[in-house]
Amino acid sequence: MATPFTTIPTALESLSAGDIVRWAADEYGADHLVVTASFEDAVMAHVAHSAVPGIEIVLLDTQYLFAETKWYAERLVDQFGFNLRVQRPAPEVQQDDLWLTDTEACCFVRKVEPLNRALDGKRGWITGVRRADGPSRAHTPVASYDIGRGLVKVNPLALWSDDDVALYEQLHELPRNPLSDKGYTSIGCWPCTRPVALGEDKRAGRWSGSAKTECGLHA
């Protein structure tokens, strides 16, 4: 378990995303870090792998990922050699219609609980959360102590704009998730994700029609 720190190094906000990942590896040990990636795009996984080759990257397979997302993750592993671990729900969790009646419970058993298992015994968790993702993430810190999980949460892309992401994809010739060209600006599970309309918030397609804005991973 990482030791809580009260002061985040101020210099982190001025470092590149890759240097932030390297800082975390130096501070907590690469073997004690987990990178989570939804593979909405390839940027976080590529940044982490480029900074610390072989760092563990986790994809949470909720049983309801789009086929395009699974295909995309496999393609990226083949192309870049990511050290990808697919984390699945507990064996007793079977496909059901829970998402129709209780999205919070559905997200818990398919995302939160599997993530907690993936992070068990780790000292740091690296995510691709950005302030530009939407109002609920507007104050995302570059690094903070996750009291509930007892580790340091690092968000190397926190300050990146959508233009920064697009430029990085272009510079590194990263393939795009096929759903990105079909109006999906935020990609989760297929029952709870839709394309967004022109002028809508980029996360408007997640849990559309409800007040829910987060799955619980980043609460």
C-alpha atoms as a PDB file:
ATOM      1  CA  MET A   1       0.000   0.000   0.000  1.00  0.00           C
ATOM      2  CA  ALA A   2       1.298   3.446  -0.881  1.00  0.00           C
ATOM      3  CA  THR A   3       1.900   5.973   1.846  1.00  0.00           C
ATOM      4  CA  PRO A   4      -0.480   8.960   1.622  1.00  0.00           C
ATOM      5  CA  PHE A   5       1.236  12.174   0.716  1.00  0.00           C
ATOM      6  CA  THR A   6      -0.135  15.556   1.608  1.00  0.00           C
ATOM      7  CA  THR A   7       1.715  17.548  -1.028  1.00  0.00           C
ATOM      8  CA  ILE A   8       1.648  16.631  -4.709  1.00  0.00           C
ATOM      9  CA  PRO A   9       4.871  17.716  -6.402  1.00  0.00           C
ATOM     10  CA  THR A  10       3.899  20.998  -8.068  1.00  0.00           C
ATOM     11  CA  ALA A  11       6.212  20.265 -10.967  1.00  0.00           C
ATOM     12  CA  LEU A  12       3.979  17.395 -12.116  1.00  0.00           C
ATOM     13  CA  GLU A  13       1.596  19.773 -13.878  1.00  0.00           C
ATOM     14  CA  SER A  14       4.447  21.075 -16.021  1.00  0.00           C
ATOM     15  CA  LEU A  15       5.737  17.622 -17.019  1.00  0.00           C
ATOM     16  CA  SER A  16       4.828  15.761 -20.180  1.00  0.00           C
ATOM     17  CA  ALA A  17       2.404  12.858 -19.832  1.00  0.00           C
ATOM     18  CA  GLY A  18       5.225  10.393 -20.425  1.00  0.00           C
ATOM     19  CA  ASP A  19       7.376  12.014 -17.752  1.00  0.00           C
ATOM     20  CA  ILE A  20       4.470  11.801 -15.292  1.00  0.00           C
ATOM     21  CA  VAL A  21       4.243   8.052 -15.945  1.00  0.00           C
ATOM     22  CA  ARG A  22       8.005   7.728 -15.445  1.00  0.00           C
ATOM     23  CA  TRP A  23       7.737   9.718 -12.205  1.00  0.00           C
ATOM     24  CA  ALA A  24       5.123   7.275 -10.934  1.00  0.00           C
ATOM     25  CA  ALA A  25       7.281   4.294 -11.913  1.00  0.00           C
ATOM     26  CA  ASP A  26      10.308   5.788 -10.150  1.00  0.00           C
ATOM     27  CA  GLU A  27       8.293   6.739  -7.085  1.00  0.00           C
ATOM     28  CA  TYR A  28       6.251   3.565  -6.613  1.00  0.00           C
ATOM     29  CA  GLY A  29       7.908   0.918  -8.810  1.00  0.00           C
ATOM     30  CA  ALA A  30       6.705  -0.083 -12.273  1.00  0.00           C
ATOM     31  CA  ASP A  31       5.605  -3.514 -11.024  1.00  0.00           C
ATOM     32  CA  HIS A  32       3.353  -1.823  -8.482  1.00  0.00           C
ATOM     33  CA  LEU A  33       1.472   0.250 -11.060  1.00  0.00           C
ATOM     34  CA  VAL A  34      -1.597  -0.533 -13.134  1.00  0.00           C
ATOM     35  CA  VAL A  35      -2.734   1.486 -16.127  1.00  0.00           C
ATOM     36  CA  THR A  36      -6.434   1.237 -16.923  1.00  0.00           C
ATOM     37  CA  ALA A  37      -7.576   1.944 -20.464  1.00  0.00           C
ATOM     38  CA  SER A  38     -11.100   1.761 -21.880  1.00  0.00           C
ATOM     39  CA  PHE A  39      -9.674   1.815 -25.426  1.00  0.00           C
ATOM     40  CA  GLU A  40     -11.984   4.592 -26.424  1.00  0.00           C
ATOM     41  CA  ASP A  41      -8.708   5.618 -28.016  1.00  0.00           C
ATOM     42  CA  ALA A  42      -5.104   4.392 -27.879  1.00  0.00           C
ATOM     43  CA  VAL A  43      -3.492   7.458 -26.308  1.00  0.00           C
ATOM     44  CA  MET A  44      -3.199   6.530 -22.608  1.00  0.00           C
ATOM     45  CA  ALA A  45      -2.000   3.015 -23.360  1.00  0.00           C
ATOM     46  CA  HIS A  46       0.528   4.292 -25.909  1.00  0.00           C
ATOM     47  CA  VAL A  47       1.846   7.040 -23.608  1.00  0.00           C
ATOM     48  CA  ALA A  48       2.302   4.602 -20.717  1.00  0.00           C
ATOM     49  CA  HIS A  49       3.884   1.855 -22.815  1.00  0.00           C
ATOM     50  CA  SER A  50       6.249   4.314 -24.504  1.00  0.00           C
ATOM     51  CA  ALA A  51       7.323   5.775 -21.152  1.00  0.00           C
ATOM     52  CA  VAL A  52       7.646   2.459 -19.290  1.00  0.00           C
ATOM     53  CA  PRO A  53       7.754  -0.468 -21.760  1.00  0.00           C
ATOM     54  CA  GLY A  54       5.965  -3.512 -20.416  1.00  0.00           C
ATOM     55  CA  ILE A  55       3.895  -1.616 -17.856  1.00  0.00           C
ATOM     56  CA  GLU A  56       0.675  -3.487 -17.135  1.00  0.00           C
ATOM     57  CA  ILE A  57      -2.381  -2.155 -18.935  1.00  0.00           C
ATOM     58  CA  VAL A  58      -5.787  -3.382 -17.810  1.00  0.00           C
ATOM     59  CA  LEU A  59      -8.978  -3.482 -19.850  1.00  0.00           C
ATOM     60  CA  LEU A  60     -12.141  -4.116 -17.832  1.00  0.00           C
ATOM     61  CA  ASP A  61     -14.259  -6.557 -19.830  1.00  0.00           C
ATOM     62  CA  THR A  62     -17.738  -5.846 -18.514  1.00  0.00           C
ATOM     63  CA  GLN A  63     -19.389  -8.548 -20.669  1.00  0.00           C
ATOM     64  CA  TYR A  64     -21.003  -5.701 -22.616  1.00  0.00           C
ATOM     65  CA  LEU A  65     -18.099  -4.078 -24.446  1.00  0.00           C
ATOM     66  CA  PHE A  66     -18.709  -3.212 -28.080  1.00  0.00           C
ATOM     67  CA  ALA A  67     -17.240  -5.779 -30.467  1.00  0.00           C
ATOM     68  CA  GLU A  68     -15.383  -2.877 -32.088  1.00  0.00           C
ATOM     69  CA  THR A  69     -13.660  -2.038 -28.797  1.00  0.00           C
ATOM     70  CA  LYS A  70     -12.483  -5.615 -28.272  1.00  0.00           C
ATOM     71  CA  TRP A  71     -11.201  -5.804 -31.838  1.00  0.00           C
ATOM     72  CA  TYR A  72      -9.478  -2.445 -31.441  1.00  0.00           C
ATOM     73  CA  ALA A  73      -7.684  -3.476 -28.240  1.00  0.00           C
ATOM     74  CA  GLU A  74      -6.469  -6.690 -29.891  1.00  0.00           C
ATOM     75  CA  ARG A  75      -5.216  -4.742 -32.890  1.00  0.00           C
ATOM     76  CA  LEU A  76      -3.247  -2.348 -30.673  1.00  0.00           C
ATOM     77  CA  VAL A  77      -1.661  -5.222 -28.752  1.00  0.00           C
ATOM     78  CA  ASP A  78      -0.545  -6.766 -32.046  1.00  0.00           C
ATOM     79  CA  GLN A  79       0.752  -3.450 -33.371  1.00  0.00           C
ATOM     80  CA  PHE A  80       2.491  -2.043 -30.300  1.00  0.00           C
ATOM     81  CA  GLY A  81       3.057  -5.020 -28.009  1.00  0.00           C
ATOM     82  CA  PHE A  82       1.103  -3.636 -25.054  1.00  0.00           C
ATOM     83  CA  ASN A  83       1.221  -5.777 -21.916  1.00  0.00           C
ATOM     84  CA  LEU A  84      -2.556  -6.076 -21.747  1.00  0.00           C
ATOM     85  CA  ARG A  85      -4.495  -7.895 -19.052  1.00  0.00           C
ATOM     86  CA  VAL A  86      -8.235  -8.318 -19.525  1.00  0.00           C
ATOM     87  CA  GLN A  87      -9.973  -8.162 -16.154  1.00  0.00           C
ATOM     88  CA  ARG A  88     -13.394  -9.789 -16.025  1.00  0.00           C
ATOM     89  CA  PRO A  89     -16.221  -9.815 -13.474  1.00  0.00           C
ATOM     90  CA  ALA A  90     -16.262 -12.472 -10.771  1.00  0.00           C
ATOM     91  CA  PRO A  91     -17.252 -15.958 -12.048  1.00  0.00           C
ATOM     92  CA  GLU A  92     -20.720 -15.770 -10.491  1.00  0.00           C
ATOM     93  CA  VAL A  93     -21.540 -12.623 -12.503  1.00  0.00           C
ATOM     94  CA  GLN A  94     -23.297 -13.722 -15.674  1.00  0.00           C
ATOM     95  CA  GLN A  95     -24.803 -11.715 -18.500  1.00  0.00           C
ATOM     96  CA  ASP A  96     -28.200 -10.437 -17.442  1.00  0.00           C
ATOM     97  CA  ASP A  97     -30.517  -7.464 -17.790  1.00  0.00           C
ATOM     98  CA  LEU A  98     -29.406  -5.668 -14.629  1.00  0.00           C
ATOM     99  CA  TRP A  99     -28.499  -2.613 -16.696  1.00  0.00           C
ATOM    100  CA  LEU A 100     -32.212  -2.142 -17.419  1.00  0.00           C
ATOM    101  CA  THR A 101     -33.187  -1.783 -13.761  1.00  0.00           C
ATOM    102  CA  ASP A 102     -30.106  -0.800 -11.733  1.00  0.00           C
ATOM    103  CA  THR A 103     -27.195   0.740 -13.606  1.00  0.00           C
ATOM    104  CA  GLU A 104     -25.322   1.468 -10.372  1.00  0.00           C
ATOM    105  CA  ALA A 105     -25.358  -2.191  -9.342  1.00  0.00           C
ATOM    106  CA  CYS A 106     -24.478  -3.262 -12.885  1.00  0.00           C
ATOM    107  CA  CYS A 107     -21.455  -0.948 -12.975  1.00  0.00           C
ATOM    108  CA  PHE A 108     -20.375  -2.109  -9.529  1.00  0.00           C
ATOM    109  CA  VAL A 109     -20.199  -5.825 -10.309  1.00  0.00           C
ATOM    110  CA  ARG A 110     -18.799  -5.330 -13.813  1.00  0.00           C
ATOM    111  CA  LYS A 111     -16.430  -2.405 -13.309  1.00  0.00           C
ATOM    112  CA  VAL A 112     -15.795  -1.365  -9.719  1.00  0.00           C
ATOM    113  CA  GLU A 113     -15.308  -4.811  -8.174  1.00  0.00           C
ATOM    114  CA  PRO A 114     -13.073  -6.097 -11.020  1.00  0.00           C
ATOM    115  CA  LEU A 115     -11.001  -2.902 -10.852  1.00  0.00           C
ATOM    116  CA  ASN A 116     -10.544  -3.306  -7.104  1.00  0.00           C
ATOM    117  CA  ARG A 117      -9.202  -6.813  -7.716  1.00  0.00           C
ATOM    118  CA  ALA A 118      -6.852  -5.549 -10.419  1.00  0.00           C
ATOM    119  CA  LEU A 119      -5.510  -2.903  -8.046  1.00  0.00           C
ATOM    120  CA  ASP A 120      -5.168  -5.189  -5.037  1.00  0.00           C
ATOM    121  CA  GLY A 121      -1.599  -4.993  -3.731  1.00  0.00           C
ATOM    122  CA  LYS A 122      -0.639  -2.162  -6.102  1.00  0.00           C
ATOM    123  CA  ARG A 123       0.741   1.215  -5.051  1.00  0.00           C
ATOM    124  CA  GLY A 124      -0.385   3.320  -8.013  1.00  0.00           C
ATOM    125  CA  TRP A 125      -3.209   3.517 -10.523  1.00  0.00           C
ATOM    126  CA  ILE A 126      -2.729   5.385 -13.803  1.00  0.00           C
ATOM    127  CA  THR A 127      -5.816   6.502 -15.735  1.00  0.00           C
ATOM    128  CA  GLY A 128      -6.616   8.452 -18.874  1.00  0.00           C
ATOM    129  CA  VAL A 129      -9.119  10.797 -17.205  1.00  0.00           C
ATOM    130  CA  ARG A 130      -8.961  14.368 -18.533  1.00  0.00           C
ATOM    131  CA  ARG A 131     -10.502  17.621 -17.348  1.00  0.00           C
ATOM    132  CA  ALA A 132     -11.816  18.140 -20.868  1.00  0.00           C
ATOM    133  CA  ASP A 133     -13.949  14.981 -20.592  1.00  0.00           C
ATOM    134  CA  GLY A 134     -16.801  16.972 -19.083  1.00  0.00           C
ATOM    135  CA  PRO A 135     -18.066  18.934 -16.056  1.00  0.00           C
ATOM    136  CA  SER A 136     -17.784  15.992 -13.650  1.00  0.00           C
ATOM    137  CA  ARG A 137     -14.055  15.750 -14.399  1.00  0.00           C
ATOM    138  CA  ALA A 138     -13.227  19.436 -14.710  1.00  0.00           C
ATOM    139  CA  HIS A 139     -11.099  19.508 -11.559  1.00  0.00           C
ATOM    140  CA  THR A 140      -9.213  16.243 -12.084  1.00  0.00           C
ATOM    141  CA  PRO A 141      -5.775  16.470 -10.410  1.00  0.00           C
ATOM    142  CA  VAL A 142      -2.631  15.125 -12.051  1.00  0.00           C
ATOM    143  CA  ALA A 143      -2.070  12.996  -8.957  1.00  0.00           C
ATOM    144  CA  SER A 144      -3.904  12.410  -5.710  1.00  0.00           C
ATOM    145  CA  TYR A 145      -4.229   9.854  -2.965  1.00  0.00           C
ATOM    146  CA  ASP A 146      -7.204   7.506  -3.381  1.00  0.00           C
ATOM    147  CA  ILE A 147      -8.164   6.962   0.253  1.00  0.00           C
ATOM    148  CA  GLY A 148     -10.723   4.270  -0.476  1.00  0.00           C
ATOM    149  CA  ARG A 149      -8.293   2.097  -2.426  1.00  0.00           C
ATOM    150  CA  GLY A 150      -5.184   3.024  -0.476  1.00  0.00           C
ATOM    151  CA  LEU A 151      -3.032   4.003  -3.412  1.00  0.00           C
ATOM    152  CA  VAL A 152      -1.949   6.946  -5.530  1.00  0.00           C
ATOM    153  CA  LYS A 153      -4.098   7.773  -8.540  1.00  0.00           C
ATOM    154  CA  VAL A 154      -2.223   9.411 -11.401  1.00  0.00           C
ATOM    155  CA  ASN A 155      -3.902  11.112 -14.368  1.00  0.00           C
ATOM    156  CA  PRO A 156      -1.091  12.010 -16.809  1.00  0.00           C
ATOM    157  CA  LEU A 157      -3.519  13.383 -19.420  1.00  0.00           C
ATOM    158  CA  ALA A 158      -5.487  15.527 -16.970  1.00  0.00           C
ATOM    159  CA  LEU A 159      -4.548  18.811 -18.662  1.00  0.00           C
ATOM    160  CA  TRP A 160      -4.874  17.578 -22.250  1.00  0.00           C
ATOM    161  CA  SER A 161      -7.475  19.098 -24.557  1.00  0.00           C
ATOM    162  CA  ASP A 162      -9.274  17.203 -27.308  1.00  0.00           C
ATOM    163  CA  ASP A 163      -6.897  18.881 -29.756  1.00  0.00           C
ATOM    164  CA  ASP A 164      -3.924  17.550 -27.783  1.00  0.00           C
ATOM    165  CA  VAL A 165      -5.325  14.028 -28.074  1.00  0.00           C
ATOM    166  CA  ALA A 166      -5.929  14.413 -31.812  1.00  0.00           C
ATOM    167  CA  LEU A 167      -2.416  15.774 -32.367  1.00  0.00           C
ATOM    168  CA  TYR A 168      -0.851  12.911 -30.422  1.00  0.00           C
ATOM    169  CA  GLU A 169      -2.832  10.389 -32.476  1.00  0.00           C
ATOM    170  CA  GLN A 170      -1.657  12.079 -35.656  1.00  0.00           C
ATOM    171  CA  LEU A 171       2.006  12.336 -34.639  1.00  0.00           C
ATOM    172  CA  HIS A 172       2.179   8.697 -33.592  1.00  0.00           C
ATOM    173  CA  GLU A 173      -0.106   7.422 -36.361  1.00  0.00           C
ATOM    174  CA  LEU A 174      -2.402   5.721 -33.885  1.00  0.00           C
ATOM    175  CA  PRO A 175      -5.418   3.878 -35.261  1.00  0.00           C
ATOM    176  CA  ARG A 176      -8.800   5.046 -34.009  1.00  0.00           C
ATOM    177  CA  ASN A 177     -11.593   3.088 -32.425  1.00  0.00           C
ATOM    178  CA  PRO A 178     -14.023   2.493 -35.323  1.00  0.00           C
ATOM    179  CA  LEU A 179     -16.892   3.842 -33.222  1.00  0.00           C
ATOM    180  CA  SER A 180     -15.221   7.260 -33.062  1.00  0.00           C
ATOM    181  CA  ASP A 181     -16.202   7.903 -36.671  1.00  0.00           C
ATOM    182  CA  LYS A 182     -19.806   6.929 -35.972  1.00  0.00           C
ATOM    183  CA  GLY A 183     -20.549   9.706 -33.487  1.00  0.00           C
ATOM    184  CA  TYR A 184     -19.401   7.959 -30.316  1.00  0.00           C
ATOM    185  CA  THR A 185     -17.350  10.547 -28.437  1.00  0.00           C
ATOM    186  CA  SER A 186     -17.327   8.561 -25.185  1.00  0.00           C
ATOM    187  CA  ILE A 187     -17.365   4.777 -25.421  1.00  0.00           C
ATOM    188  CA  GLY A 188     -18.456   2.393 -22.688  1.00  0.00           C
ATOM    189  CA  CYS A 189     -20.797  -0.611 -22.676  1.00  0.00           C
ATOM    190  CA  TRP A 190     -23.141  -0.993 -25.621  1.00  0.00           C
ATOM    191  CA  PRO A 191     -26.441  -0.978 -23.631  1.00  0.00           C
ATOM    192  CA  CYS A 192     -25.628   2.367 -21.999  1.00  0.00           C
ATOM    193  CA  THR A 193     -23.797   4.215 -24.777  1.00  0.00           C
ATOM    194  CA  ARG A 194     -25.151   6.043 -27.819  1.00  0.00           C
ATOM    195  CA  PRO A 195     -23.708   8.436 -30.409  1.00  0.00           C
ATOM    196  CA  VAL A 196     -23.932  12.094 -29.482  1.00  0.00           C
ATOM    197  CA  ALA A 197     -25.672  14.766 -31.520  1.00  0.00           C
ATOM    198  CA  LEU A 198     -24.020  17.945 -32.738  1.00  0.00           C
ATOM    199  CA  GLY A 199     -23.647  20.399 -29.862  1.00  0.00           C
ATOM    200  CA  GLU A 200     -24.150  17.827 -27.109  1.00  0.00           C
ATOM    201  CA  ASP A 201     -21.614  17.304 -24.336  1.00  0.00           C
ATOM    202  CA  LYS A 202     -19.131  14.594 -25.328  1.00  0.00           C
ATOM    203  CA  ARG A 203     -20.337  12.324 -22.499  1.00  0.00           C
ATOM    204  CA  ALA A 204     -24.039  12.895 -23.225  1.00  0.00           C
ATOM    205  CA  GLY A 205     -24.198   9.486 -24.871  1.00  0.00           C
ATOM    206  CA  ARG A 206     -23.408   7.682 -21.603  1.00  0.00           C
ATOM    207  CA  TRP A 207     -26.441   6.581 -19.552  1.00  0.00           C
ATOM    208  CA  SER A 208     -28.551   8.879 -21.697  1.00  0.00           C
ATOM    209  CA  GLY A 209     -31.843   9.912 -20.136  1.00  0.00           C
ATOM    210  CA  SER A 210     -30.646   9.445 -16.561  1.00  0.00           C
ATOM    211  CA  ALA A 211     -28.796  11.612 -14.050  1.00  0.00           C
ATOM    212  CA  LYS A 212     -25.906   9.143 -13.962  1.00  0.00           C
ATOM    213  CA  THR A 213     -22.613  10.559 -15.298  1.00  0.00           C
ATOM    214  CA  GLU A 214     -19.960   8.201 -13.904  1.00  0.00           C
ATOM    215  CA  CYS A 215     -19.654   4.442 -13.555  1.00  0.00           C
ATOM    216  CA  GLY A 216     -18.149   4.591 -10.081  1.00  0.00           C
ATOM    217  CA  LEU A 217     -14.521   3.965 -10.989  1.00  0.00           C
ATOM    218  CA  HIS A 218     -13.619   7.626 -10.557  1.00  0.00           C
ATOM    219  CA  ALA A 219     -16.071   8.595  -7.835  1.00  0.00           C
END
